Amino acid sequence: VTVTADASGQSLAHLAAYSREAFFLLWQLQTGANLSQQAPLGEASIHKAAKVGSLECLALLVAGDAKID
């Protein structure tokens, strides 16, 4: 499920990565969400996961071919 964004420009994948919700992020991956979608400040889900130190979410995003740059 790909949702464009909430009122602040964050996608569900952004929120899951920032909240360290690996199971929800996995569901996003399995349903074809755009894991490389950028928030208004240019951050992708992988940046959110790195910011909070979620290695589990980072591993899922890398395995799901999220853009690293």
Protein backbone atom coordinates (compact mmCIF):
# COMPACT_ATOMS: atom_id res chain seq x y z
CA VAL A 1 0.00 0.00 0.00
CA THR A 2 1.49 3.29 -1.04
CA VAL A 3 0.07 6.37 0.59
CA THR A 4 1.27 9.66 -0.82
CA ALA A 5 1.91 11.32 2.55
CA ASP A 6 0.31 12.65 5.67
CA ALA A 7 -0.13 16.37 6.35
CA SER A 8 3.57 16.75 7.20
CA GLY A 9 4.72 14.91 4.06
CA GLN A 10 5.67 11.65 5.77
CA SER A 11 4.72 8.33 4.12
CA LEU A 12 3.76 5.24 6.10
CA ALA A 13 7.22 3.82 5.37
CA HIS A 14 8.83 6.98 6.79
CA LEU A 15 6.76 6.72 9.95
CA ALA A 16 7.46 2.99 10.35
CA ALA A 17 11.22 3.44 9.89
CA TYR A 18 11.39 6.39 12.29
CA SER A 19 9.30 4.51 14.88
CA ARG A 20 11.45 1.36 14.57
CA GLU A 21 8.39 -0.63 13.46
CA ALA A 22 10.18 -3.34 11.48
CA PHE A 23 7.10 -5.57 11.09
CA PHE A 24 5.06 -2.69 9.68
CA LEU A 25 7.95 -1.72 7.41
CA LEU A 26 8.15 -5.34 6.21
CA TRP A 27 4.45 -5.19 5.38
CA GLN A 28 5.07 -2.01 3.41
CA LEU A 29 7.86 -3.79 1.54
CA GLN A 30 5.67 -6.82 0.80
CA THR A 31 2.81 -4.69 -0.51
CA GLY A 32 4.98 -2.72 -2.91
CA ALA A 33 5.34 0.60 -1.12
CA ASN A 34 7.81 3.11 -2.53
CA LEU A 35 10.57 2.81 0.06
CA SER A 36 12.65 5.51 -1.63
CA GLN A 37 9.93 8.19 -1.50
CA GLN A 38 11.34 11.40 -0.09
CA ALA A 39 9.78 13.57 2.60
CA PRO A 40 9.71 17.37 2.15
CA LEU A 41 13.22 17.76 3.62
CA GLY A 42 14.61 15.14 1.21
CA GLU A 43 14.76 12.25 3.67
CA ALA A 44 13.84 8.76 2.52
CA SER A 45 12.82 5.94 4.86
CA ILE A 46 16.42 4.72 5.01
CA HIS A 47 17.49 8.11 6.38
CA LYS A 48 14.77 7.94 9.04
CA ALA A 49 15.88 4.45 10.13
CA ALA A 50 19.52 5.55 10.27
CA LYS A 51 18.63 8.65 12.29
CA VAL A 52 17.10 6.53 15.06
CA GLY A 53 19.66 3.71 14.79
CA SER A 54 17.23 0.99 13.75
CA LEU A 55 19.47 -1.70 12.28
CA GLU A 56 16.49 -4.00 11.72
CA CYS A 57 14.68 -1.39 9.63
CA LEU A 58 17.89 -0.49 7.80
CA ALA A 59 18.43 -4.15 6.90
CA LEU A 60 14.87 -4.43 5.57
CA LEU A 61 15.24 -1.28 3.50
CA VAL A 62 18.56 -2.37 2.00
CA ALA A 63 17.13 -5.83 1.25
CA GLY A 64 14.15 -4.12 -0.37
CA ASP A 65 16.46 -2.14 -2.68
CA ALA A 66 15.69 1.24 -1.16
CA LYS A 67 17.90 3.92 -2.67
CA ILE A 68 20.82 4.69 -0.39
CA ASP A 69 21.68 8.15 -1.75
